[in-house]
Amino acid sequence: MAGFIVKRMLQAIFATLIVTLLVSYAIRLTGDPALMLTQGAGSITEADLARIREALGVNRPFLVQYFEFLRGMVTFDFGKSFLGGTSVGLLIKGALPSTLVLAFWSMLVSIMISIPLGITAAVHRNKMVDQVIRVFSLVGLSFPNFWLAIMLVLVFSITWNLLPPSGMVGSLSYIMPSVTMGIILTATNVRLVRTTMLETLNAQYIMVARAKGLSERKVLYKHALRNCAIPLITYLGLQFGGLLGGIVVIERVFNWPGMGTLAFDAVGARDYPVLQATIMVLSLMIILVNLAVDIIYGLVDPRIRTE
């Protein structure tokens, strides 16, 4: 097992280096931060722009800037923002927990809805209940997440005045963003749970468990669901990683003070340090989630780690 974990960790480190290299290079194609900072400042000479680039450190060769960034990753020192000179590390420390908590609650909402619905659809295959659940999942796949978020704000904040429309002002603020992302994720998860349960319920050991007189609930949740864990763990892990990268739209709609909002603001300002560090941290989180999924996968199925 130790060799399996070391192999996955080396792959994760290699993937992180590739991502950091590509992102660091791509960011520098978005524009000159010196020009962005001097917009509306009147007459600016090329010498003035050169001094600003030197002060920001963007006049140095790309590889020099890249290796300096890698060194900063180790100590969580990403430099200072071009706007205001605030430490990028402090900005990320303030925004990352908000994004992680929102992603966690979104996944929890999806799991709590999708697993019971998927099992119910599989047990009542091709019956009315199954048809209704499948239509629900299809409708959920068709909803753009920003449209659903706006509808929830209109109904629960503006019309009924039950929940705060934006910002993070208390525990109630988590409900609408989490439900929005959770419903979108549930649409796919229900279909996955239904498919894997249909395959498992036809297995011989399920027939044996029922023949022993076990209750249907124990057969479904202890035996069948447990053996569906491998594809579910894999997909949910990948989904959680994708959720971290795709949460930008939801954070913008709800004015959520997370990594998505931080990255969005940095794009418009050409704030290299903030944008670079934000994308790197999100990428690293996705890689770590995938690494954890690989390790759990190997623990659940010993055949994986022997291969």
C-alpha atoms as a PDB file:
ATOM      1  CA  MET A   1       0.000   0.000   0.000  1.00  0.00           C
ATOM      2  CA  ALA A   2       2.898   2.359   0.762  1.00  0.00           C
ATOM      3  CA  GLY A   3       4.263   1.997  -2.759  1.00  0.00           C
ATOM      4  CA  PHE A   4       0.832   2.716  -4.206  1.00  0.00           C
ATOM      5  CA  ILE A   5       0.529   5.938  -2.159  1.00  0.00           C
ATOM      6  CA  VAL A   6       4.074   7.086  -3.059  1.00  0.00           C
ATOM      7  CA  LYS A   7       3.374   6.512  -6.753  1.00  0.00           C
ATOM      8  CA  ARG A   8       0.172   8.571  -6.610  1.00  0.00           C
ATOM      9  CA  MET A   9       1.926  11.360  -4.698  1.00  0.00           C
ATOM     10  CA  LEU A  10       4.705  11.575  -7.285  1.00  0.00           C
ATOM     11  CA  GLN A  11       2.086  11.803 -10.021  1.00  0.00           C
ATOM     12  CA  ALA A  12       0.331  14.572  -8.073  1.00  0.00           C
ATOM     13  CA  ILE A  13       3.591  16.546  -7.705  1.00  0.00           C
ATOM     14  CA  PHE A  14       4.298  16.218 -11.436  1.00  0.00           C
ATOM     15  CA  ALA A  15       0.764  17.362 -12.299  1.00  0.00           C
ATOM     16  CA  THR A  16       1.148  20.360  -9.976  1.00  0.00           C
ATOM     17  CA  LEU A  17       4.374  21.434 -11.689  1.00  0.00           C
ATOM     18  CA  ILE A  18       2.768  21.158 -15.123  1.00  0.00           C
ATOM     19  CA  VAL A  19      -0.258  23.195 -14.033  1.00  0.00           C
ATOM     20  CA  THR A  20       1.879  25.885 -12.418  1.00  0.00           C
ATOM     21  CA  LEU A  21       4.038  26.211 -15.532  1.00  0.00           C
ATOM     22  CA  LEU A  22       1.089  26.475 -17.932  1.00  0.00           C
ATOM     23  CA  VAL A  23      -0.880  28.897 -15.776  1.00  0.00           C
ATOM     24  CA  SER A  24       2.114  31.105 -15.050  1.00  0.00           C
ATOM     25  CA  TYR A  25       2.814  31.423 -18.766  1.00  0.00           C
ATOM     26  CA  ALA A  26      -0.827  31.870 -19.813  1.00  0.00           C
ATOM     27  CA  ILE A  27      -1.452  34.633 -17.281  1.00  0.00           C
ATOM     28  CA  ARG A  28       1.288  36.740 -18.819  1.00  0.00           C
ATOM     29  CA  LEU A  29      -0.531  36.661 -22.147  1.00  0.00           C
ATOM     30  CA  THR A  30      -3.538  38.513 -20.710  1.00  0.00           C
ATOM     31  CA  GLY A  31      -1.979  41.972 -20.817  1.00  0.00           C
ATOM     32  CA  ASP A  32       0.477  44.370 -19.259  1.00  0.00           C
ATOM     33  CA  PRO A  33      -0.328  45.144 -15.595  1.00  0.00           C
ATOM     34  CA  ALA A  34       1.589  48.432 -15.841  1.00  0.00           C
ATOM     35  CA  LEU A  35      -0.823  49.663 -18.514  1.00  0.00           C
ATOM     36  CA  MET A  36      -3.799  48.556 -16.436  1.00  0.00           C
ATOM     37  CA  LEU A  37      -2.543  50.369 -13.340  1.00  0.00           C
ATOM     38  CA  THR A  38      -1.928  53.600 -15.255  1.00  0.00           C
ATOM     39  CA  GLN A  39      -5.250  53.761 -17.083  1.00  0.00           C
ATOM     40  CA  GLY A  40      -6.753  57.206 -16.693  1.00  0.00           C
ATOM     41  CA  ALA A  41      -3.565  58.577 -15.166  1.00  0.00           C
ATOM     42  CA  GLY A  42      -2.947  61.060 -17.951  1.00  0.00           C
ATOM     43  CA  SER A  43       0.328  61.290 -19.829  1.00  0.00           C
ATOM     44  CA  ILE A  44       2.499  58.244 -19.074  1.00  0.00           C
ATOM     45  CA  THR A  45       5.844  57.793 -20.770  1.00  0.00           C
ATOM     46  CA  GLU A  46       7.519  54.528 -21.643  1.00  0.00           C
ATOM     47  CA  ALA A  47      10.102  55.257 -18.939  1.00  0.00           C
ATOM     48  CA  ASP A  48       7.314  55.495 -16.375  1.00  0.00           C
ATOM     49  CA  LEU A  49       5.920  52.149 -17.529  1.00  0.00           C
ATOM     50  CA  ALA A  50       9.389  50.606 -17.321  1.00  0.00           C
ATOM     51  CA  ARG A  51       9.795  51.791 -13.715  1.00  0.00           C
ATOM     52  CA  ILE A  52       6.379  50.355 -12.809  1.00  0.00           C
ATOM     53  CA  ARG A  53       7.239  47.002 -14.410  1.00  0.00           C
ATOM     54  CA  GLU A  54      10.502  46.935 -12.488  1.00  0.00           C
ATOM     55  CA  ALA A  55       8.721  47.727  -9.229  1.00  0.00           C
ATOM     56  CA  LEU A  56       6.199  44.962  -9.877  1.00  0.00           C
ATOM     57  CA  GLY A  57       8.925  42.516 -10.885  1.00  0.00           C
ATOM     58  CA  VAL A  58       7.365  41.659 -14.256  1.00  0.00           C
ATOM     59  CA  ASN A  59      10.330  42.886 -16.285  1.00  0.00           C
ATOM     60  CA  ARG A  60      12.429  39.868 -15.369  1.00  0.00           C
ATOM     61  CA  PRO A  61      12.671  36.704 -17.547  1.00  0.00           C
ATOM     62  CA  PHE A  62       9.705  34.365 -17.298  1.00  0.00           C
ATOM     63  CA  LEU A  63      11.682  31.443 -15.851  1.00  0.00           C
ATOM     64  CA  VAL A  64      13.082  33.656 -13.093  1.00  0.00           C
ATOM     65  CA  GLN A  65       9.556  34.732 -12.144  1.00  0.00           C
ATOM     66  CA  TYR A  66       8.319  31.142 -12.367  1.00  0.00           C
ATOM     67  CA  PHE A  67      10.949  29.655 -10.050  1.00  0.00           C
ATOM     68  CA  GLU A  68      10.409  32.493  -7.611  1.00  0.00           C
ATOM     69  CA  PHE A  69       6.725  31.619  -7.609  1.00  0.00           C
ATOM     70  CA  LEU A  70       7.522  27.929  -6.948  1.00  0.00           C
ATOM     71  CA  ARG A  71       9.688  28.945  -4.015  1.00  0.00           C
ATOM     72  CA  GLY A  72       6.830  31.045  -2.708  1.00  0.00           C
ATOM     73  CA  MET A  73       4.430  28.089  -3.010  1.00  0.00           C
ATOM     74  CA  VAL A  74       6.477  26.111  -0.502  1.00  0.00           C
ATOM     75  CA  THR A  75       6.273  28.864   2.130  1.00  0.00           C
ATOM     76  CA  PHE A  76       2.815  30.114   1.081  1.00  0.00           C
ATOM     77  CA  ASP A  77       4.384  33.449   0.171  1.00  0.00           C
ATOM     78  CA  PHE A  78       2.896  34.558  -3.151  1.00  0.00           C
ATOM     79  CA  GLY A  79       4.057  38.143  -2.917  1.00  0.00           C
ATOM     80  CA  LYS A  80       1.807  41.186  -2.769  1.00  0.00           C
ATOM     81  CA  SER A  81      -1.150  42.293  -4.811  1.00  0.00           C
ATOM     82  CA  PHE A  82      -0.484  44.880  -7.494  1.00  0.00           C
ATOM     83  CA  LEU A  83      -3.507  46.779  -6.171  1.00  0.00           C
ATOM     84  CA  GLY A  84      -2.971  48.060  -2.659  1.00  0.00           C
ATOM     85  CA  GLY A  85       0.069  45.940  -1.856  1.00  0.00           C
ATOM     86  CA  THR A  86      -1.896  43.480   0.306  1.00  0.00           C
ATOM     87  CA  SER A  87      -0.272  40.112   0.934  1.00  0.00           C
ATOM     88  CA  VAL A  88      -1.675  37.560  -1.509  1.00  0.00           C
ATOM     89  CA  GLY A  89      -1.351  34.866   1.131  1.00  0.00           C
ATOM     90  CA  LEU A  90      -3.623  36.808   3.455  1.00  0.00           C
ATOM     91  CA  LEU A  91      -6.176  37.282   0.673  1.00  0.00           C
ATOM     92  CA  ILE A  92      -6.230  33.552  -0.037  1.00  0.00           C
ATOM     93  CA  LYS A  93      -6.413  32.645   3.647  1.00  0.00           C
ATOM     94  CA  GLY A  94      -9.496  34.809   3.892  1.00  0.00           C
ATOM     95  CA  ALA A  95     -11.184  33.501   0.737  1.00  0.00           C
ATOM     96  CA  LEU A  96     -10.287  29.785   0.651  1.00  0.00           C
ATOM     97  CA  PRO A  97     -12.300  28.676   3.716  1.00  0.00           C
ATOM     98  CA  SER A  98     -15.446  30.288   2.303  1.00  0.00           C
ATOM     99  CA  THR A  99     -15.089  28.393  -0.974  1.00  0.00           C
ATOM    100  CA  LEU A 100     -14.270  25.067   0.705  1.00  0.00           C
ATOM    101  CA  VAL A 101     -17.211  25.307   3.101  1.00  0.00           C
ATOM    102  CA  LEU A 102     -19.579  26.194   0.263  1.00  0.00           C
ATOM    103  CA  ALA A 103     -18.273  23.293  -1.842  1.00  0.00           C
ATOM    104  CA  PHE A 104     -18.626  20.909   1.120  1.00  0.00           C
ATOM    105  CA  TRP A 105     -22.241  21.870   1.798  1.00  0.00           C
ATOM    106  CA  SER A 106     -23.068  21.669  -1.908  1.00  0.00           C
ATOM    107  CA  MET A 107     -21.695  18.124  -2.079  1.00  0.00           C
ATOM    108  CA  LEU A 108     -23.514  17.176   1.114  1.00  0.00           C
ATOM    109  CA  VAL A 109     -26.819  18.456  -0.280  1.00  0.00           C
ATOM    110  CA  SER A 110     -26.242  16.491  -3.470  1.00  0.00           C
ATOM    111  CA  ILE A 111     -25.360  13.254  -1.649  1.00  0.00           C
ATOM    112  CA  MET A 112     -28.326  13.492   0.724  1.00  0.00           C
ATOM    113  CA  ILE A 113     -30.701  13.904  -2.229  1.00  0.00           C
ATOM    114  CA  SER A 114     -29.131  11.739  -4.929  1.00  0.00           C
ATOM    115  CA  ILE A 115     -28.451   8.514  -3.001  1.00  0.00           C
ATOM    116  CA  PRO A 116     -32.042   7.972  -1.735  1.00  0.00           C
ATOM    117  CA  LEU A 117     -33.517   9.047  -5.083  1.00  0.00           C
ATOM    118  CA  GLY A 118     -31.116   6.844  -7.056  1.00  0.00           C
ATOM    119  CA  ILE A 119     -31.836   3.803  -4.909  1.00  0.00           C
ATOM    120  CA  THR A 120     -35.582   4.428  -5.104  1.00  0.00           C
ATOM    121  CA  ALA A 121     -35.411   4.707  -8.887  1.00  0.00           C
ATOM    122  CA  ALA A 122     -33.432   1.460  -9.149  1.00  0.00           C
ATOM    123  CA  VAL A 123     -35.777  -0.469  -6.847  1.00  0.00           C
ATOM    124  CA  HIS A 124     -38.864   0.752  -8.771  1.00  0.00           C
ATOM    125  CA  ARG A 125     -37.324   0.368 -12.200  1.00  0.00           C
ATOM    126  CA  ASN A 126     -39.538   1.494 -15.100  1.00  0.00           C
ATOM    127  CA  LYS A 127     -42.395   2.334 -12.743  1.00  0.00           C
ATOM    128  CA  MET A 128     -43.977   5.738 -12.237  1.00  0.00           C
ATOM    129  CA  VAL A 129     -41.602   6.662  -9.391  1.00  0.00           C
ATOM    130  CA  ASP A 130     -38.606   5.820 -11.554  1.00  0.00           C
ATOM    131  CA  GLN A 131     -39.961   7.872 -14.450  1.00  0.00           C
ATOM    132  CA  VAL A 132     -40.560  10.916 -12.230  1.00  0.00           C
ATOM    133  CA  ILE A 133     -37.038  10.736 -10.751  1.00  0.00           C
ATOM    134  CA  ARG A 134     -35.463  10.390 -14.181  1.00  0.00           C
ATOM    135  CA  VAL A 135     -37.397  13.391 -15.461  1.00  0.00           C
ATOM    136  CA  PHE A 136     -36.263  15.335 -12.377  1.00  0.00           C
ATOM    137  CA  SER A 137     -32.630  14.497 -13.106  1.00  0.00           C
ATOM    138  CA  LEU A 138     -33.030  15.452 -16.767  1.00  0.00           C
ATOM    139  CA  VAL A 139     -34.563  18.799 -15.836  1.00  0.00           C
ATOM    140  CA  GLY A 140     -31.756  19.385 -13.345  1.00  0.00           C
ATOM    141  CA  LEU A 141     -29.151  18.791 -16.044  1.00  0.00           C
ATOM    142  CA  SER A 142     -30.885  21.369 -18.234  1.00  0.00           C
ATOM    143  CA  PHE A 143     -30.761  24.184 -15.680  1.00  0.00           C
ATOM    144  CA  PRO A 144     -27.884  26.672 -16.015  1.00  0.00           C
ATOM    145  CA  ASN A 145     -26.580  27.169 -12.496  1.00  0.00           C
ATOM    146  CA  PHE A 146     -26.652  30.971 -12.730  1.00  0.00           C
ATOM    147  CA  TRP A 147     -30.330  30.910 -13.823  1.00  0.00           C
ATOM    148  CA  LEU A 148     -31.297  28.675 -10.920  1.00  0.00           C
ATOM    149  CA  ALA A 149     -29.369  30.935  -8.527  1.00  0.00           C
ATOM    150  CA  ILE A 150     -31.192  34.033  -9.797  1.00  0.00           C
ATOM    151  CA  MET A 151     -34.578  32.292  -9.492  1.00  0.00           C
ATOM    152  CA  LEU A 152     -33.851  31.296  -5.901  1.00  0.00           C
ATOM    153  CA  VAL A 153     -32.894  34.879  -5.066  1.00  0.00           C
ATOM    154  CA  LEU A 154     -36.095  36.208  -6.657  1.00  0.00           C
ATOM    155  CA  VAL A 155     -38.307  33.742  -4.767  1.00  0.00           C
ATOM    156  CA  PHE A 156     -36.697  33.344  -1.349  1.00  0.00           C
ATOM    157  CA  SER A 157     -35.093  36.776  -0.937  1.00  0.00           C
ATOM    158  CA  ILE A 158     -37.082  39.320  -2.908  1.00  0.00           C
ATOM    159  CA  THR A 159     -40.569  37.768  -2.911  1.00  0.00           C
ATOM    160  CA  TRP A 160     -40.693  35.956   0.436  1.00  0.00           C
ATOM    161  CA  ASN A 161     -37.822  37.736   2.236  1.00  0.00           C
ATOM    162  CA  LEU A 162     -36.741  34.507   3.955  1.00  0.00           C
ATOM    163  CA  LEU A 163     -33.036  34.340   3.089  1.00  0.00           C
ATOM    164  CA  PRO A 164     -30.290  36.928   2.562  1.00  0.00           C
ATOM    165  CA  PRO A 165     -29.853  37.613  -1.173  1.00  0.00           C
ATOM    166  CA  SER A 166     -26.051  37.836  -1.193  1.00  0.00           C
ATOM    167  CA  GLY A 167     -22.919  37.909   0.902  1.00  0.00           C
ATOM    168  CA  MET A 168     -21.923  35.759   3.854  1.00  0.00           C
ATOM    169  CA  VAL A 169     -23.827  37.252   6.779  1.00  0.00           C
ATOM    170  CA  GLY A 170     -24.695  34.127   8.766  1.00  0.00           C
ATOM    171  CA  SER A 171     -25.619  30.469   8.545  1.00  0.00           C
ATOM    172  CA  LEU A 172     -28.688  31.240   6.405  1.00  0.00           C
ATOM    173  CA  SER A 173     -26.394  32.644   3.713  1.00  0.00           C
ATOM    174  CA  TYR A 174     -25.167  29.122   2.911  1.00  0.00           C
ATOM    175  CA  ILE A 175     -28.599  27.763   2.001  1.00  0.00           C
ATOM    176  CA  MET A 176     -29.217  29.198  -1.462  1.00  0.00           C
ATOM    177  CA  PRO A 177     -25.661  28.798  -2.868  1.00  0.00           C
ATOM    178  CA  SER A 178     -25.423  25.246  -1.498  1.00  0.00           C
ATOM    179  CA  VAL A 179     -28.844  24.261  -2.793  1.00  0.00           C
ATOM    180  CA  THR A 180     -28.084  25.768  -6.198  1.00  0.00           C
ATOM    181  CA  MET A 181     -24.882  23.793  -6.655  1.00  0.00           C
ATOM    182  CA  GLY A 182     -26.336  20.731  -4.923  1.00  0.00           C
ATOM    183  CA  ILE A 183     -29.310  20.475  -7.285  1.00  0.00           C
ATOM    184  CA  ILE A 184     -27.099  20.769 -10.350  1.00  0.00           C
ATOM    185  CA  LEU A 185     -24.808  18.019  -9.032  1.00  0.00           C
ATOM    186  CA  THR A 186     -27.742  15.855  -7.950  1.00  0.00           C
ATOM    187  CA  ALA A 187     -29.058  15.599 -11.500  1.00  0.00           C
ATOM    188  CA  THR A 188     -25.957  13.644 -12.551  1.00  0.00           C
ATOM    189  CA  ASN A 189     -25.485  11.728  -9.311  1.00  0.00           C
ATOM    190  CA  VAL A 190     -29.021  10.320  -9.331  1.00  0.00           C
ATOM    191  CA  ARG A 191     -28.432   8.721 -12.713  1.00  0.00           C
ATOM    192  CA  LEU A 192     -25.087   7.292 -11.579  1.00  0.00           C
ATOM    193  CA  VAL A 193     -26.539   5.814  -8.368  1.00  0.00           C
ATOM    194  CA  ARG A 194     -29.479   4.352 -10.284  1.00  0.00           C
ATOM    195  CA  THR A 195     -27.237   2.718 -12.905  1.00  0.00           C
ATOM    196  CA  THR A 196     -24.790   1.191 -10.411  1.00  0.00           C
ATOM    197  CA  MET A 197     -27.605  -0.009  -8.155  1.00  0.00           C
ATOM    198  CA  LEU A 198     -29.361  -1.725 -11.072  1.00  0.00           C
ATOM    199  CA  GLU A 199     -26.191  -3.654 -11.831  1.00  0.00           C
ATOM    200  CA  THR A 200     -25.638  -4.548  -8.179  1.00  0.00           C
ATOM    201  CA  LEU A 201     -29.210  -5.622  -7.425  1.00  0.00           C
ATOM    202  CA  ASN A 202     -28.931  -8.310 -10.110  1.00  0.00           C
ATOM    203  CA  ALA A 203     -25.853  -9.837  -8.466  1.00  0.00           C
ATOM    204  CA  GLN A 204     -26.066 -13.263  -6.904  1.00  0.00           C
ATOM    205  CA  TYR A 205     -24.978 -12.204  -3.431  1.00  0.00           C
ATOM    206  CA  ILE A 206     -27.960  -9.840  -3.243  1.00  0.00           C
ATOM    207  CA  MET A 207     -30.263 -12.768  -3.924  1.00  0.00           C
ATOM    208  CA  VAL A 208     -28.468 -14.735  -1.195  1.00  0.00           C
ATOM    209  CA  ALA A 209     -28.842 -11.855   1.276  1.00  0.00           C
ATOM    210  CA  ARG A 210     -32.565 -11.685   0.597  1.00  0.00           C
ATOM    211  CA  ALA A 211     -32.863 -15.453   0.883  1.00  0.00           C
ATOM    212  CA  LYS A 212     -31.321 -15.241   4.373  1.00  0.00           C
ATOM    213  CA  GLY A 213     -34.261 -13.098   5.437  1.00  0.00           C
ATOM    214  CA  LEU A 214     -32.445  -9.785   5.748  1.00  0.00           C
ATOM    215  CA  SER A 215     -34.623  -6.697   5.653  1.00  0.00           C
ATOM    216  CA  GLU A 216     -34.848  -4.857   2.361  1.00  0.00           C
ATOM    217  CA  ARG A 217     -33.337  -1.761   3.943  1.00  0.00           C
ATOM    218  CA  LYS A 218     -30.280  -3.712   5.120  1.00  0.00           C
ATOM    219  CA  VAL A 219     -29.911  -5.383   1.731  1.00  0.00           C
ATOM    220  CA  LEU A 220     -30.011  -2.046  -0.070  1.00  0.00           C
ATOM    221  CA  TYR A 221     -27.943   0.162   2.217  1.00  0.00           C
ATOM    222  CA  LYS A 222     -25.501  -2.307   3.774  1.00  0.00           C
ATOM    223  CA  HIS A 223     -24.800  -4.732   0.953  1.00  0.00           C
ATOM    224  CA  ALA A 224     -25.819  -3.194  -2.377  1.00  0.00           C
ATOM    225  CA  LEU A 225     -24.829   0.414  -1.685  1.00  0.00           C
ATOM    226  CA  ARG A 226     -21.514  -0.625  -0.148  1.00  0.00           C
ATOM    227  CA  ASN A 227     -20.557  -2.497  -3.305  1.00  0.00           C
ATOM    228  CA  CYS A 228     -21.516   0.540  -5.386  1.00  0.00           C
ATOM    229  CA  ALA A 229     -19.010   2.626  -3.428  1.00  0.00           C
ATOM    230  CA  ILE A 230     -16.088   2.415  -5.862  1.00  0.00           C
ATOM    231  CA  PRO A 231     -17.666   4.202  -8.854  1.00  0.00           C
ATOM    232  CA  LEU A 232     -19.469   6.593  -6.496  1.00  0.00           C
ATOM    233  CA  ILE A 233     -16.296   7.516  -4.606  1.00  0.00           C
ATOM    234  CA  THR A 234     -14.426   8.060  -7.864  1.00  0.00           C
ATOM    235  CA  TYR A 235     -17.071  10.240  -9.430  1.00  0.00           C
ATOM    236  CA  LEU A 236     -17.870  12.231  -6.290  1.00  0.00           C
ATOM    237  CA  GLY A 237     -14.182  12.956  -5.791  1.00  0.00           C
ATOM    238  CA  LEU A 238     -13.778  14.185  -9.355  1.00  0.00           C
ATOM    239  CA  GLN A 239     -17.007  16.126  -9.007  1.00  0.00           C
ATOM    240  CA  PHE A 240     -15.787  17.841  -5.848  1.00  0.00           C
ATOM    241  CA  GLY A 241     -12.596  18.856  -7.618  1.00  0.00           C
ATOM    242  CA  GLY A 242     -14.583  20.221 -10.534  1.00  0.00           C
ATOM    243  CA  LEU A 243     -16.865  21.999  -8.108  1.00  0.00           C
ATOM    244  CA  LEU A 244     -13.922  23.960  -6.705  1.00  0.00           C
ATOM    245  CA  GLY A 245     -13.012  25.146 -10.172  1.00  0.00           C
ATOM    246  CA  GLY A 246     -16.539  25.848 -11.360  1.00  0.00           C
ATOM    247  CA  ILE A 247     -17.885  27.680  -8.344  1.00  0.00           C
ATOM    248  CA  VAL A 248     -16.887  31.096  -9.737  1.00  0.00           C
ATOM    249  CA  VAL A 249     -20.282  31.787 -11.305  1.00  0.00           C
ATOM    250  CA  ILE A 250     -22.204  30.973  -8.124  1.00  0.00           C
ATOM    251  CA  GLU A 251     -19.888  33.125  -6.034  1.00  0.00           C
ATOM    252  CA  ARG A 252     -20.417  36.042  -8.388  1.00  0.00           C
ATOM    253  CA  VAL A 253     -24.207  35.709  -8.348  1.00  0.00           C
ATOM    254  CA  PHE A 254     -24.353  35.562  -4.547  1.00  0.00           C
ATOM    255  CA  ASN A 255     -21.447  37.976  -4.016  1.00  0.00           C
ATOM    256  CA  TRP A 256     -19.703  35.248  -2.037  1.00  0.00           C
ATOM    257  CA  PRO A 257     -16.284  36.246  -0.626  1.00  0.00           C
ATOM    258  CA  GLY A 258     -14.470  33.180  -1.930  1.00  0.00           C
ATOM    259  CA  MET A 259     -11.730  32.187  -4.333  1.00  0.00           C
ATOM    260  CA  GLY A 260     -13.956  32.611  -7.385  1.00  0.00           C
ATOM    261  CA  THR A 261     -14.704  36.228  -6.586  1.00  0.00           C
ATOM    262  CA  LEU A 262     -11.037  36.853  -5.815  1.00  0.00           C
ATOM    263  CA  ALA A 263      -9.939  35.390  -9.156  1.00  0.00           C
ATOM    264  CA  PHE A 264     -12.647  37.235 -11.099  1.00  0.00           C
ATOM    265  CA  ASP A 265     -11.604  40.604  -9.674  1.00  0.00           C
ATOM    266  CA  ALA A 266      -7.935  39.829 -10.334  1.00  0.00           C
ATOM    267  CA  VAL A 267      -8.628  39.101 -14.014  1.00  0.00           C
ATOM    268  CA  GLY A 268     -10.052  42.567 -14.636  1.00  0.00           C
ATOM    269  CA  ALA A 269      -7.180  44.242 -12.805  1.00  0.00           C
ATOM    270  CA  ARG A 270      -4.418  42.130 -14.412  1.00  0.00           C
ATOM    271  CA  ASP A 271      -3.291  41.384 -10.879  1.00  0.00           C
ATOM    272  CA  TYR A 272      -0.765  38.642 -11.706  1.00  0.00           C
ATOM    273  CA  PRO A 273       0.137  37.573  -8.149  1.00  0.00           C
ATOM    274  CA  VAL A 274      -3.478  37.239  -6.993  1.00  0.00           C
ATOM    275  CA  LEU A 275      -4.732  35.519 -10.134  1.00  0.00           C
ATOM    276  CA  GLN A 276      -1.740  33.209 -10.352  1.00  0.00           C
ATOM    277  CA  ALA A 277      -1.903  32.195  -6.696  1.00  0.00           C
ATOM    278  CA  THR A 278      -5.687  31.754  -6.765  1.00  0.00           C
ATOM    279  CA  ILE A 279      -5.611  29.439  -9.756  1.00  0.00           C
ATOM    280  CA  MET A 280      -2.672  27.552  -8.331  1.00  0.00           C
ATOM    281  CA  VAL A 281      -4.349  26.964  -4.986  1.00  0.00           C
ATOM    282  CA  LEU A 282      -7.570  25.795  -6.647  1.00  0.00           C
ATOM    283  CA  SER A 283      -5.597  23.520  -8.970  1.00  0.00           C
ATOM    284  CA  LEU A 284      -3.636  22.122  -6.049  1.00  0.00           C
ATOM    285  CA  MET A 285      -6.862  21.451  -4.152  1.00  0.00           C
ATOM    286  CA  ILE A 286      -8.283  19.572  -7.150  1.00  0.00           C
ATOM    287  CA  ILE A 287      -5.097  17.507  -7.451  1.00  0.00           C
ATOM    288  CA  LEU A 288      -5.158  16.697  -3.725  1.00  0.00           C
ATOM    289  CA  VAL A 289      -8.804  15.640  -3.940  1.00  0.00           C
ATOM    290  CA  ASN A 290      -7.992  13.347  -6.866  1.00  0.00           C
ATOM    291  CA  LEU A 291      -5.030  11.964  -4.919  1.00  0.00           C
ATOM    292  CA  ALA A 292      -7.282  11.248  -1.951  1.00  0.00           C
ATOM    293  CA  VAL A 293      -9.771   9.520  -4.260  1.00  0.00           C
ATOM    294  CA  ASP A 294      -7.004   7.312  -5.669  1.00  0.00           C
ATOM    295  CA  ILE A 295      -5.883   6.331  -2.165  1.00  0.00           C
ATOM    296  CA  ILE A 296      -9.437   5.614  -0.987  1.00  0.00           C
ATOM    297  CA  TYR A 297     -10.027   3.689  -4.195  1.00  0.00           C
ATOM    298  CA  GLY A 298      -7.023   1.502  -3.398  1.00  0.00           C
ATOM    299  CA  LEU A 299      -8.197   0.973   0.181  1.00  0.00           C
ATOM    300  CA  VAL A 300     -11.694  -0.045  -0.911  1.00  0.00           C
ATOM    301  CA  ASP A 301     -10.547  -2.322  -3.749  1.00  0.00           C
ATOM    302  CA  PRO A 302      -7.226  -4.128  -3.059  1.00  0.00           C
ATOM    303  CA  ARG A 303      -7.038  -5.180  -6.723  1.00  0.00           C
ATOM    304  CA  ILE A 304      -6.287  -1.555  -7.679  1.00  0.00           C
ATOM    305  CA  ARG A 305      -3.145  -1.218  -5.584  1.00  0.00           C
ATOM    306  CA  THR A 306      -1.823  -4.626  -6.657  1.00  0.00           C
ATOM    307  CA  GLU A 307      -2.116  -3.536 -10.285  1.00  0.00           C
END
